Every structure is written in structure tokens, then in C-alpha cells.
Amino acid sequence: MTVGPGVGIGTARADAESDASVIARSRDQPEAFAALFDRHADAVHRYAARRLGGEVADDLVAETFTTAFQQRHRYDPARGAGADARPWLFGIATNLVGRHRRAEARRFKAMARVPALADHDEPLADRAADRVVARAVRRELAAALAALPARYRDVLLLVAWGDLGYEEAAQALGIPVGTVRSRLHRARSKLREALGGSNPTALREVSDHE
């Protein structure tokens, strides 16, 4: 099956159906699964790109939806996945990220080495102080993320970059909600310590394009 935008059911019907309904229908009508790609591919790509970079993210998104398509017969809303397929898809993507742990760690370490003042084409006097501070924070965050154990990093980034709630993150990872809360608390504590007490929610500001 080739999954891509513009393939499958009409826009009006796709928008009216829940993810669970689309997946259920795709079991007999495989082309219907493309609606799920149209809805969620961009979000999965953003998440993957922030963890692994754009080039790897392209392949990872394709593999995520290929895996999801192959496993669509096992999707069971009654077991906690619900009508929203995002936790399921982000769980698959996170498992695939696990194959690139070393690449992810190298990426964050490289980001941590980027000079805080990188706009050499701008006069120093014209650089906004908040931009300089933001870059310094991003460097510290990148270093802290590289040092986090994978199980803490997965929970933290599903919430911060995947925009999943605690229960959704638990569904994505197949762990209890209490474990999500515990790991998230420990991850935030480690980041706060690494940032000298700064608010770790600044994690959202780490970006390739800043």
C-alpha cells in the first residue's frame, strides 16, 4: 500500500469519521487508511524531526505509518487507544526512535556545542538579549536531554513535543499512568538541576531553526 496525502476517502467523510472508525474501515478498504496519514503525519514528523533531525524523520514517518498499516487489525479502541489514534502512532514512532538512540544522543550533544552567539553576520550591538539567553538555554537543554536515560526522555518528549497528555503517553508507551508521572517528575527534576533551577518547560524552545 502507498500511503500519502490525497489518497483514499473523500475529505468530508474523512473529517467526519473518528480515527478508530477509519482504522476499522481500512481493514476491508485499505485505501481508507490514507486519511490517518493526512491527519497525523505532520505532527509525527515534527516530533521525529526534533528528536532525530529532518532527514531521518522523513524515513521514520514513512516507517511509522507502514507499521501502523500492517498492525491496523490489532488496533483496539476498547483497550485504551480510544477514538484518537495519536497515542498509538506516537508509540510506534517512539519505538522506532529507540533504534536511533546513539544518533539522538549525538544530535543533542552537537546542539549543545553550538555557540550561543551564532549570528556572525549581525552586529553584536543589534543582537537582542533575550535571543542570546534563549540560545544559551537551548544549549543547556540539549546537553541535559542527551544525559537523560532513554525511558525518562521518551516520556518527557512525548508530553513536551508530542503534546500528549499523561494518559495518552501511558497508552503510547504501554505503561501505567503512575509510571508516566514518576518518570516525568524525575526527568523534569534532572533538567531543572541541569539548568540551575530554571523552568524545564523551556524545553519546548529547543529547535533546529533558531
Protein backbone atom coordinates (compact mmCIF):
# COMPACT_ATOMS: atom_id res chain seq x y z
CA MET A 1 0.00 0.00 0.00
CA THR A 2 1.19 3.53 -0.77
CA VAL A 3 0.13 5.93 1.94
CA GLY A 4 0.11 9.58 1.07
CA PRO A 5 -1.93 12.79 1.02
CA GLY A 6 -4.83 12.92 -1.39
CA VAL A 7 -5.33 9.15 -1.46
CA GLY A 8 -8.38 7.43 -0.08
CA ILE A 9 -11.82 8.57 1.01
CA GLY A 10 -13.29 11.99 0.36
CA THR A 11 -12.37 14.88 2.61
CA ALA A 12 -15.83 15.41 4.01
CA ARG A 13 -16.27 11.80 5.06
CA ALA A 14 -12.72 11.54 6.40
CA ASP A 15 -13.20 14.62 8.57
CA ALA A 16 -16.47 13.24 9.95
CA GLU A 17 -15.03 9.88 11.00
CA SER A 18 -13.07 9.18 14.13
CA ASP A 19 -9.60 7.70 13.80
CA ALA A 20 -10.87 4.43 15.21
CA SER A 21 -13.62 4.29 12.58
CA VAL A 22 -11.14 4.98 9.78
CA ILE A 23 -8.83 2.23 11.02
CA ALA A 24 -11.70 -0.23 11.37
CA ARG A 25 -12.92 0.51 7.85
CA SER A 26 -9.40 0.26 6.42
CA ARG A 27 -9.32 -3.42 7.35
CA ASP A 28 -11.66 -4.08 4.42
CA GLN A 29 -10.84 -0.93 2.44
CA PRO A 30 -7.06 -0.47 2.74
CA GLU A 31 -7.08 2.82 0.83
CA ALA A 32 -9.10 4.42 3.65
CA PHE A 33 -6.02 4.31 5.89
CA ALA A 34 -4.58 7.26 3.96
CA ALA A 35 -6.95 9.53 5.90
CA LEU A 36 -4.97 8.75 9.05
CA PHE A 37 -1.77 9.84 7.30
CA ASP A 38 -3.40 13.09 6.21
CA ARG A 39 -4.46 13.85 9.77
CA HIS A 40 -1.36 12.96 11.74
CA ALA A 41 1.74 12.73 9.53
CA ASP A 42 2.76 16.35 10.09
CA ALA A 43 2.59 16.04 13.88
CA VAL A 44 4.54 12.78 13.88
CA HIS A 45 7.13 14.34 11.58
CA ARG A 46 7.60 17.37 13.84
CA TYR A 47 8.13 15.09 16.82
CA ALA A 48 10.60 12.86 14.98
CA ALA A 49 12.48 15.79 13.44
CA ARG A 50 13.05 17.43 16.81
CA ARG A 51 14.48 14.20 18.15
CA LEU A 52 16.47 12.97 15.15
CA GLY A 53 16.61 15.72 12.53
CA GLY A 54 14.60 16.23 9.36
CA GLU A 55 16.32 13.74 7.09
CA VAL A 56 15.90 10.80 9.46
CA ALA A 57 12.38 11.98 10.33
CA ASP A 58 11.22 11.55 6.73
CA ASP A 59 12.12 7.87 6.80
CA LEU A 60 10.82 7.39 10.33
CA VAL A 61 7.39 8.83 9.47
CA ALA A 62 7.11 6.54 6.46
CA GLU A 63 8.07 3.57 8.61
CA THR A 64 5.66 4.63 11.37
CA PHE A 65 2.66 4.63 9.05
CA THR A 66 3.77 1.48 7.26
CA THR A 67 4.00 -0.27 10.63
CA ALA A 68 0.64 1.17 11.71
CA PHE A 69 -0.97 -0.04 8.48
CA GLN A 70 0.45 -3.52 8.95
CA GLN A 71 -0.79 -3.58 12.57
CA ARG A 72 -4.20 -1.96 11.98
CA HIS A 73 -6.01 -5.24 12.62
CA ARG A 74 -4.63 -5.17 16.18
CA TYR A 75 -5.86 -1.66 16.94
CA ASP A 76 -8.46 -1.98 19.69
CA PRO A 77 -10.11 1.24 20.99
CA ALA A 78 -11.60 -0.72 23.89
CA ARG A 79 -8.11 -1.41 25.26
CA GLY A 80 -7.32 2.24 25.87
CA ALA A 81 -6.35 3.53 22.44
CA GLY A 82 -9.71 5.26 22.09
CA ALA A 83 -11.01 7.06 19.05
CA ASP A 84 -7.86 9.19 18.76
CA ALA A 85 -5.01 7.28 17.10
CA ARG A 86 -2.30 9.76 18.12
CA PRO A 87 -1.06 7.81 21.18
CA TRP A 88 -0.86 4.65 19.07
CA LEU A 89 1.05 6.40 16.28
CA PHE A 90 3.39 8.25 18.63
CA GLY A 91 4.04 5.00 20.44
CA ILE A 92 5.11 3.36 17.18
CA ALA A 93 7.26 6.38 16.32
CA THR A 94 8.90 6.35 19.75
CA ASN A 95 9.70 2.65 19.43
CA LEU A 96 11.34 3.41 16.09
CA VAL A 97 13.28 6.31 17.63
CA GLY A 98 14.66 3.68 20.00
CA ARG A 99 16.62 2.22 17.10
CA HIS A 100 18.43 5.55 16.78
CA ARG A 101 19.41 6.17 20.41
CA ARG A 102 23.03 6.87 19.60
CA ALA A 103 22.11 9.20 16.75
CA GLU A 104 19.71 11.08 19.01
CA ALA A 105 22.32 11.46 21.74
CA ARG A 106 24.88 12.67 19.19
CA ARG A 107 22.35 15.16 17.85
CA PHE A 108 21.66 16.69 21.27
CA LYS A 109 25.36 16.80 22.08
CA ALA A 110 26.02 18.59 18.80
CA MET A 111 23.27 21.09 19.58
CA ALA A 112 24.86 21.66 22.97
CA ARG A 113 28.11 22.66 21.29
CA VAL A 114 26.55 25.32 19.05
CA PRO A 115 27.86 28.76 20.11
CA ALA A 116 25.32 30.88 21.92
CA LEU A 117 26.17 33.79 19.62
CA ALA A 118 25.85 32.26 16.18
CA ASP A 119 24.63 35.22 14.12
CA HIS A 120 28.04 36.38 12.96
CA ASP A 121 26.50 38.42 10.16
CA GLU A 122 24.73 40.69 12.68
CA PRO A 123 26.49 43.44 14.63
CA LEU A 124 26.83 42.38 18.25
CA ALA A 125 25.08 45.55 19.39
CA ASP A 126 21.99 44.61 17.38
CA ARG A 127 21.52 41.18 18.93
CA ALA A 128 18.54 41.01 21.25
CA ALA A 129 19.49 39.97 24.77
CA ASP A 130 16.58 37.57 25.01
CA ARG A 131 17.72 35.78 21.85
CA VAL A 132 21.18 35.31 23.29
CA VAL A 133 19.74 33.95 26.53
CA ALA A 134 17.37 31.66 24.63
CA ARG A 135 20.26 30.15 22.70
CA ALA A 136 22.21 29.57 25.88
CA VAL A 137 19.19 27.83 27.40
CA ARG A 138 18.78 25.64 24.32
CA ARG A 139 22.40 24.56 24.56
CA GLU A 140 21.97 23.61 28.21
CA LEU A 141 18.71 21.81 27.46
CA ALA A 142 20.25 19.85 24.62
CA ALA A 143 23.09 18.72 26.87
CA ALA A 144 20.63 17.77 29.61
CA LEU A 145 18.45 15.80 27.16
CA ALA A 146 21.49 13.89 25.93
CA ALA A 147 22.25 12.87 29.51
CA LEU A 148 18.71 11.68 30.34
CA PRO A 149 18.05 7.92 30.47
CA ALA A 150 16.00 6.89 27.43
CA ARG A 151 12.94 5.89 29.48
CA TYR A 152 12.75 9.39 31.00
CA ARG A 153 13.46 11.14 27.70
CA ASP A 154 10.69 9.25 25.90
CA VAL A 155 8.05 10.28 28.44
CA LEU A 156 9.27 13.86 28.62
CA LEU A 157 9.36 14.38 24.86
CA LEU A 158 6.03 12.69 24.20
CA VAL A 159 4.48 15.23 26.54
CA ALA A 160 6.57 18.26 25.54
CA TRP A 161 7.00 17.65 21.80
CA GLY A 162 4.23 15.17 21.05
CA ASP A 163 1.66 17.22 23.00
CA LEU A 164 0.26 14.08 24.61
CA GLY A 165 -1.44 14.07 27.98
CA TYR A 166 -0.30 11.73 30.76
CA GLU A 167 -2.84 9.04 29.91
CA GLU A 168 -2.05 9.33 26.20
CA ALA A 169 1.68 9.00 26.91
CA ALA A 170 0.92 5.92 29.01
CA GLN A 171 -1.03 4.43 26.10
CA ALA A 172 1.77 5.26 23.67
CA LEU A 173 4.41 3.55 25.79
CA GLY A 174 2.26 0.76 27.19
CA ILE A 175 2.99 1.69 30.80
CA PRO A 176 0.79 2.74 33.75
CA VAL A 177 -0.12 6.42 34.14
CA GLY A 178 1.60 6.38 37.52
CA THR A 179 4.84 5.36 35.83
CA VAL A 180 4.46 8.24 33.36
CA ARG A 181 4.02 10.69 36.23
CA SER A 182 7.01 9.28 38.09
CA ARG A 183 9.32 9.32 35.08
CA LEU A 184 8.16 12.78 34.06
CA HIS A 185 8.80 14.10 37.55
CA ARG A 186 12.30 12.63 37.59
CA ALA A 187 13.06 13.90 34.08
CA ARG A 188 11.93 17.42 34.96
CA SER A 189 13.93 17.33 38.18
CA LYS A 190 17.06 16.32 36.27
CA LEU A 191 16.51 19.07 33.73
CA ARG A 192 15.84 21.64 36.42
CA GLU A 193 19.06 20.63 38.14
CA ALA A 194 21.00 20.83 34.87
CA LEU A 195 19.53 24.27 34.17
CA GLY A 196 20.43 25.63 37.58
CA GLY A 197 16.85 25.72 38.76
CA SER A 198 15.36 27.17 35.56
CA ASN A 199 11.92 26.04 34.40
CA PRO A 200 12.39 22.88 32.29
CA THR A 201 9.26 23.69 30.25
CA ALA A 202 11.64 25.86 28.21
CA LEU A 203 12.35 22.51 26.58
CA ARG A 204 9.73 23.45 24.02
CA GLU A 205 12.07 26.09 22.69
CA VAL A 206 14.78 23.68 21.51
CA SER A 207 14.71 23.90 17.73
CA ASP A 208 16.89 23.39 14.69
CA HIS A 209 15.73 26.64 13.20
CA GLU A 210 16.62 29.03 16.00
